[in-house]
Amino acid sequence: MDKKEYMLSQVEAWQHSGLTQRSYCDQVGIKLATFNYWVQRSKRQEDLSGFIEIKKSPDILENNY
């Protein structure tokens, strides 16, 4: 497991832990600033997943031909 995979798995574990970032970092021995960087990076990665939601209005769904 490389550093990126490790840190993103730590972010996911923290999200399920119910702890604050500071408490989680204290327990697992990660610097808070480093962890915060990876939390922000994981959010950007979710935003850039390649998929966007497209909402169609009801008018477009009707076939008027």
PDB file of N, CA and C in Angstrom:
ATOM      1  N   MET A   1       0.862  -1.178   0.000  1.00  0.00           N
ATOM      2  CA  MET A   1       0.000   0.000   0.000  1.00  0.00           C
ATOM      3  C   MET A   1       0.900   1.230   0.000  1.00  0.00           C
ATOM      4  N   ASP A   2       0.687   2.105  -0.970  1.00  0.00           N
ATOM      5  CA  ASP A   2       1.489   3.324  -1.000  1.00  0.00           C
ATOM      6  C   ASP A   2       0.911   4.374  -0.047  1.00  0.00           C
ATOM      7  N   LYS A   3       1.610   5.499   0.068  1.00  0.00           N
ATOM      8  CA  LYS A   3       1.209   6.530   1.032  1.00  0.00           C
ATOM      9  C   LYS A   3      -0.187   7.071   0.740  1.00  0.00           C
ATOM     10  N   LYS A   4      -0.497   7.282  -0.548  1.00  0.00           N
ATOM     11  CA  LYS A   4      -1.811   7.815  -0.914  1.00  0.00           C
ATOM     12  C   LYS A   4      -2.917   6.867  -0.468  1.00  0.00           C
ATOM     13  N   GLU A   5      -2.766   5.596  -0.768  1.00  0.00           N
ATOM     14  CA  GLU A   5      -3.782   4.616  -0.362  1.00  0.00           C
ATOM     15  C   GLU A   5      -3.907   4.557   1.155  1.00  0.00           C
ATOM     16  N   TYR A   6      -2.752   4.589   1.838  1.00  0.00           N
ATOM     17  CA  TYR A   6      -2.762   4.526   3.297  1.00  0.00           C
ATOM     18  C   TYR A   6      -3.493   5.724   3.894  1.00  0.00           C
ATOM     19  N   MET A   7      -3.141   6.917   3.428  1.00  0.00           N
ATOM     20  CA  MET A   7      -3.745   8.116   4.002  1.00  0.00           C
ATOM     21  C   MET A   7      -5.229   8.213   3.677  1.00  0.00           C
ATOM     22  N   LEU A   8      -5.624   7.838   2.474  1.00  0.00           N
ATOM     23  CA  LEU A   8      -7.049   7.878   2.135  1.00  0.00           C
ATOM     24  C   LEU A   8      -7.817   6.843   2.946  1.00  0.00           C
ATOM     25  N   SER A   9      -7.189   5.710   3.259  1.00  0.00           N
ATOM     26  CA  SER A   9      -7.860   4.724   4.117  1.00  0.00           C
ATOM     27  C   SER A   9      -7.978   5.259   5.547  1.00  0.00           C
ATOM     28  N   GLN A  10      -6.993   6.043   5.990  1.00  0.00           N
ATOM     29  CA  GLN A  10      -7.069   6.664   7.312  1.00  0.00           C
ATOM     30  C   GLN A  10      -8.183   7.713   7.360  1.00  0.00           C
ATOM     31  N   VAL A  11      -8.339   8.471   6.275  1.00  0.00           N
ATOM     32  CA  VAL A  11      -9.422   9.464   6.213  1.00  0.00           C
ATOM     33  C   VAL A  11     -10.767   8.749   6.318  1.00  0.00           C
ATOM     34  N   GLU A  12     -10.919   7.659   5.600  1.00  0.00           N
ATOM     35  CA  GLU A  12     -12.178   6.910   5.655  1.00  0.00           C
ATOM     36  C   GLU A  12     -12.416   6.337   7.048  1.00  0.00           C
ATOM     37  N   ALA A  13     -11.373   5.820   7.665  1.00  0.00           N
ATOM     38  CA  ALA A  13     -11.506   5.280   9.030  1.00  0.00           C
ATOM     39  C   ALA A  13     -11.897   6.390  10.004  1.00  0.00           C
ATOM     40  N   TRP A  14     -11.304   7.578   9.846  1.00  0.00           N
ATOM     41  CA  TRP A  14     -11.654   8.711  10.714  1.00  0.00           C
ATOM     42  C   TRP A  14     -13.121   9.097  10.536  1.00  0.00           C
ATOM     43  N   GLN A  15     -13.595   9.114   9.280  1.00  0.00           N
ATOM     44  CA  GLN A  15     -14.985   9.502   9.024  1.00  0.00           C
ATOM     45  C   GLN A  15     -15.960   8.569   9.725  1.00  0.00           C
ATOM     46  N   HIS A  16     -15.602   7.318   9.870  1.00  0.00           N
ATOM     47  CA  HIS A  16     -16.480   6.343  10.526  1.00  0.00           C
ATOM     48  C   HIS A  16     -16.249   6.275  12.033  1.00  0.00           C
ATOM     49  N   SER A  17     -15.198   6.939  12.519  1.00  0.00           N
ATOM     50  CA  SER A  17     -14.832   6.829  13.934  1.00  0.00           C
ATOM     51  C   SER A  17     -15.681   7.685  14.865  1.00  0.00           C
ATOM     52  N   GLY A  18     -16.208   8.800  14.350  1.00  0.00           N
ATOM     53  CA  GLY A  18     -16.949   9.715  15.210  1.00  0.00           C
ATOM     54  C   GLY A  18     -16.051  10.633  16.029  1.00  0.00           C
ATOM     55  N   LEU A  19     -14.743  10.547  15.821  1.00  0.00           N
ATOM     56  CA  LEU A  19     -13.798  11.382  16.558  1.00  0.00           C
ATOM     57  C   LEU A  19     -13.531  12.680  15.806  1.00  0.00           C
ATOM     58  N   THR A  20     -12.995  13.656  16.524  1.00  0.00           N
ATOM     59  CA  THR A  20     -12.510  14.857  15.849  1.00  0.00           C
ATOM     60  C   THR A  20     -11.220  14.484  15.126  1.00  0.00           C
ATOM     61  N   GLN A  21     -10.822  15.317  14.185  1.00  0.00           N
ATOM     62  CA  GLN A  21      -9.560  15.053  13.490  1.00  0.00           C
ATOM     63  C   GLN A  21      -8.401  15.007  14.481  1.00  0.00           C
ATOM     64  N   ARG A  22      -8.389  15.941  15.415  1.00  0.00           N
ATOM     65  CA  ARG A  22      -7.302  16.000  16.396  1.00  0.00           C
ATOM     66  C   ARG A  22      -7.240  14.722  17.228  1.00  0.00           C
ATOM     67  N   SER A  23      -8.376  14.266  17.725  1.00  0.00           N
ATOM     68  CA  SER A  23      -8.393  13.052  18.546  1.00  0.00           C
ATOM     69  C   SER A  23      -7.950  11.834  17.744  1.00  0.00           C
ATOM     70  N   TYR A  24      -8.440  11.738  16.519  1.00  0.00           N
ATOM     71  CA  TYR A  24      -8.065  10.605  15.676  1.00  0.00           C
ATOM     72  C   TYR A  24      -6.562  10.611  15.406  1.00  0.00           C
ATOM     73  N   CYS A  25      -6.029  11.782  15.065  1.00  0.00           N
ATOM     74  CA  CYS A  25      -4.598  11.890  14.779  1.00  0.00           C
ATOM     75  C   CYS A  25      -3.752  11.545  15.996  1.00  0.00           C
ATOM     76  N   ASP A  26      -4.184  11.981  17.167  1.00  0.00           N
ATOM     77  CA  ASP A  26      -3.471  11.643  18.400  1.00  0.00           C
ATOM     78  C   ASP A  26      -3.445  10.129  18.609  1.00  0.00           C
ATOM     79  N   GLN A  27      -4.549   9.460  18.317  1.00  0.00           N
ATOM     80  CA  GLN A  27      -4.633   8.009  18.535  1.00  0.00           C
ATOM     81  C   GLN A  27      -3.774   7.221  17.555  1.00  0.00           C
ATOM     82  N   VAL A  28      -3.710   7.668  16.308  1.00  0.00           N
ATOM     83  CA  VAL A  28      -2.989   6.882  15.303  1.00  0.00           C
ATOM     84  C   VAL A  28      -1.585   7.421  15.004  1.00  0.00           C
ATOM     85  N   GLY A  29      -1.231   8.564  15.596  1.00  0.00           N
ATOM     86  CA  GLY A  29       0.116   9.090  15.445  1.00  0.00           C
ATOM     87  C   GLY A  29       0.393   9.792  14.131  1.00  0.00           C
ATOM     88  N   ILE A  30      -0.602  10.502  13.623  1.00  0.00           N
ATOM     89  CA  ILE A  30      -0.433  11.278  12.395  1.00  0.00           C
ATOM     90  C   ILE A  30      -0.489  12.757  12.763  1.00  0.00           C
ATOM     91  N   LYS A  31       0.382  13.559  12.148  1.00  0.00           N
ATOM     92  CA  LYS A  31       0.340  15.000  12.388  1.00  0.00           C
ATOM     93  C   LYS A  31      -0.971  15.557  11.848  1.00  0.00           C
ATOM     94  N   LEU A  32      -1.590  16.441  12.630  1.00  0.00           N
ATOM     95  CA  LEU A  32      -2.890  17.009  12.261  1.00  0.00           C
ATOM     96  C   LEU A  32      -2.833  17.737  10.918  1.00  0.00           C
ATOM     97  N   ALA A  33      -1.791  18.513  10.676  1.00  0.00           N
ATOM     98  CA  ALA A  33      -1.691  19.263   9.420  1.00  0.00           C
ATOM     99  C   ALA A  33      -1.599  18.307   8.224  1.00  0.00           C
ATOM    100  N   THR A  34      -0.849  17.245   8.372  1.00  0.00           N
ATOM    101  CA  THR A  34      -0.729  16.244   7.306  1.00  0.00           C
ATOM    102  C   THR A  34      -2.071  15.592   7.051  1.00  0.00           C
ATOM    103  N   PHE A  35      -2.754  15.240   8.130  1.00  0.00           N
ATOM    104  CA  PHE A  35      -4.051  14.584   7.999  1.00  0.00           C
ATOM    105  C   PHE A  35      -5.058  15.511   7.333  1.00  0.00           C
ATOM    106  N   ASN A  36      -5.062  16.770   7.745  1.00  0.00           N
ATOM    107  CA  ASN A  36      -5.979  17.745   7.164  1.00  0.00           C
ATOM    108  C   ASN A  36      -5.739  17.875   5.666  1.00  0.00           C
ATOM    109  N   TYR A  37      -4.480  17.853   5.232  1.00  0.00           N
ATOM    110  CA  TYR A  37      -4.147  17.892   3.810  1.00  0.00           C
ATOM    111  C   TYR A  37      -4.825  16.733   3.082  1.00  0.00           C
ATOM    112  N   TRP A  38      -4.750  15.536   3.647  1.00  0.00           N
ATOM    113  CA  TRP A  38      -5.323  14.361   2.997  1.00  0.00           C
ATOM    114  C   TRP A  38      -6.847  14.370   3.034  1.00  0.00           C
ATOM    115  N   VAL A  39      -7.433  14.954   4.072  1.00  0.00           N
ATOM    116  CA  VAL A  39      -8.896  15.104   4.109  1.00  0.00           C
ATOM    117  C   VAL A  39      -9.335  15.999   2.955  1.00  0.00           C
ATOM    118  N   GLN A  40      -8.646  17.123   2.775  1.00  0.00           N
ATOM    119  CA  GLN A  40      -8.979  18.030   1.681  1.00  0.00           C
ATOM    120  C   GLN A  40      -8.746  17.373   0.328  1.00  0.00           C
ATOM    121  N   ARG A  41      -7.681  16.631   0.206  1.00  0.00           N
ATOM    122  CA  ARG A  41      -7.383  15.945  -1.054  1.00  0.00           C
ATOM    123  C   ARG A  41      -8.444  14.890  -1.363  1.00  0.00           C
ATOM    124  N   SER A  42      -8.927  14.212  -0.338  1.00  0.00           N
ATOM    125  CA  SER A  42      -9.971  13.200  -0.575  1.00  0.00           C
ATOM    126  C   SER A  42     -11.265  13.856  -1.040  1.00  0.00           C
ATOM    127  N   LYS A  43     -11.548  15.046  -0.544  1.00  0.00           N
ATOM    128  CA  LYS A  43     -12.744  15.772  -0.993  1.00  0.00           C
ATOM    129  C   LYS A  43     -12.614  16.173  -2.454  1.00  0.00           C
ATOM    130  N   ARG A  44     -11.433  16.644  -2.844  1.00  0.00           N
ATOM    131  CA  ARG A  44     -11.198  17.006  -4.246  1.00  0.00           C
ATOM    132  C   ARG A  44     -11.304  15.777  -5.138  1.00  0.00           C
ATOM    133  N   GLN A  45     -10.809  14.663  -4.652  1.00  0.00           N
ATOM    134  CA  GLN A  45     -10.862  13.432  -5.441  1.00  0.00           C
ATOM    135  C   GLN A  45     -12.313  13.005  -5.663  1.00  0.00           C
ATOM    136  N   GLU A  46     -13.154  13.162  -4.646  1.00  0.00           N
ATOM    137  CA  GLU A  46     -14.575  12.834  -4.798  1.00  0.00           C
ATOM    138  C   GLU A  46     -15.219  13.764  -5.832  1.00  0.00           C
ATOM    139  N   ASP A  47     -14.854  15.033  -5.801  1.00  0.00           N
ATOM    140  CA  ASP A  47     -15.419  15.996  -6.746  1.00  0.00           C
ATOM    141  C   ASP A  47     -14.980  15.717  -8.180  1.00  0.00           C
ATOM    142  N   LEU A  48     -13.819  15.115  -8.349  1.00  0.00           N
ATOM    143  CA  LEU A  48     -13.273  14.869  -9.681  1.00  0.00           C
ATOM    144  C   LEU A  48     -13.438  13.413 -10.111  1.00  0.00           C
ATOM    145  N   SER A  49     -14.436  12.753  -9.586  1.00  0.00           N
ATOM    146  CA  SER A  49     -14.604  11.331  -9.862  1.00  0.00           C
ATOM    147  C   SER A  49     -14.968  11.040 -11.311  1.00  0.00           C
ATOM    148  N   GLY A  50     -15.301  12.063 -12.083  1.00  0.00           N
ATOM    149  CA  GLY A  50     -15.609  11.869 -13.484  1.00  0.00           C
ATOM    150  C   GLY A  50     -17.098  11.778 -13.776  1.00  0.00           C
ATOM    151  N   PHE A  51     -17.908  11.806 -12.761  1.00  0.00           N
ATOM    152  CA  PHE A  51     -19.344  11.716 -12.958  1.00  0.00           C
ATOM    153  C   PHE A  51     -20.012  12.963 -12.398  1.00  0.00           C
ATOM    154  N   ILE A  52     -20.982  13.446 -13.117  1.00  0.00           N
ATOM    155  CA  ILE A  52     -21.788  14.550 -12.623  1.00  0.00           C
ATOM    156  C   ILE A  52     -23.247  14.161 -12.762  1.00  0.00           C
ATOM    157  N   GLU A  53     -24.062  14.692 -11.885  1.00  0.00           N
ATOM    158  CA  GLU A  53     -25.489  14.401 -11.939  1.00  0.00           C
ATOM    159  C   GLU A  53     -26.139  15.331 -12.953  1.00  0.00           C
ATOM    160  N   ILE A  54     -26.947  14.760 -13.825  1.00  0.00           N
ATOM    161  CA  ILE A  54     -27.687  15.537 -14.812  1.00  0.00           C
ATOM    162  C   ILE A  54     -29.165  15.395 -14.477  1.00  0.00           C
ATOM    163  N   LYS A  55     -29.810  16.509 -14.247  1.00  0.00           N
ATOM    164  CA  LYS A  55     -31.234  16.484 -13.934  1.00  0.00           C
ATOM    165  C   LYS A  55     -31.997  16.952 -15.164  1.00  0.00           C
ATOM    166  N   LYS A  56     -32.963  16.164 -15.564  1.00  0.00           N
ATOM    167  CA  LYS A  56     -33.782  16.519 -16.715  1.00  0.00           C
ATOM    168  C   LYS A  56     -35.110  17.075 -16.227  1.00  0.00           C
ATOM    169  N   SER A  57     -35.549  18.107 -16.893  1.00  0.00           N
ATOM    170  CA  SER A  57     -36.859  18.647 -16.539  1.00  0.00           C
ATOM    171  C   SER A  57     -37.923  17.742 -17.167  1.00  0.00           C
ATOM    172  N   PRO A  58     -39.126  17.689 -16.594  1.00  0.00           N
ATOM    173  CA  PRO A  58     -40.193  16.842 -17.140  1.00  0.00           C
ATOM    174  C   PRO A  58     -40.509  17.144 -18.596  1.00  0.00           C
ATOM    175  N   ASP A  59     -40.340  18.400 -19.047  1.00  0.00           N
ATOM    176  CA  ASP A  59     -40.626  18.772 -20.435  1.00  0.00           C
ATOM    177  C   ASP A  59     -39.745  18.002 -21.415  1.00  0.00           C
ATOM    178  N   ILE A  60     -38.507  17.774 -21.044  1.00  0.00           N
ATOM    179  CA  ILE A  60     -37.583  17.096 -21.934  1.00  0.00           C
ATOM    180  C   ILE A  60     -37.971  15.629 -22.094  1.00  0.00           C
ATOM    181  N   LEU A  61     -38.576  15.057 -21.090  1.00  0.00           N
ATOM    182  CA  LEU A  61     -38.915  13.649 -21.120  1.00  0.00           C
ATOM    183  C   LEU A  61     -40.105  13.348 -22.015  1.00  0.00           C
ATOM    184  N   GLU A  62     -40.911  14.330 -22.328  1.00  0.00           N
ATOM    185  CA  GLU A  62     -42.086  14.110 -23.166  1.00  0.00           C
ATOM    186  C   GLU A  62     -41.694  14.076 -24.643  1.00  0.00           C
ATOM    187  N   ASN A  63     -42.257  13.157 -25.364  1.00  0.00           N
ATOM    188  CA  ASN A  63     -42.013  13.065 -26.799  1.00  0.00           C
ATOM    189  C   ASN A  63     -43.223  13.688 -27.509  1.00  0.00           C
ATOM    190  N   ASN A  64     -43.015  14.826 -28.100  1.00  0.00           N
ATOM    191  CA  ASN A  64     -44.116  15.566 -28.730  1.00  0.00           C
ATOM    192  C   ASN A  64     -44.139  15.389 -30.250  1.00  0.00           C
ATOM    193  N   TYR A  65     -43.633  14.304 -30.739  1.00  0.00           N
ATOM    194  CA  TYR A  65     -43.593  14.096 -32.199  1.00  0.00           C
ATOM    195  C   TYR A  65     -44.798  13.355 -32.670  1.00  0.00           C
TER     196      TYR A  65
END
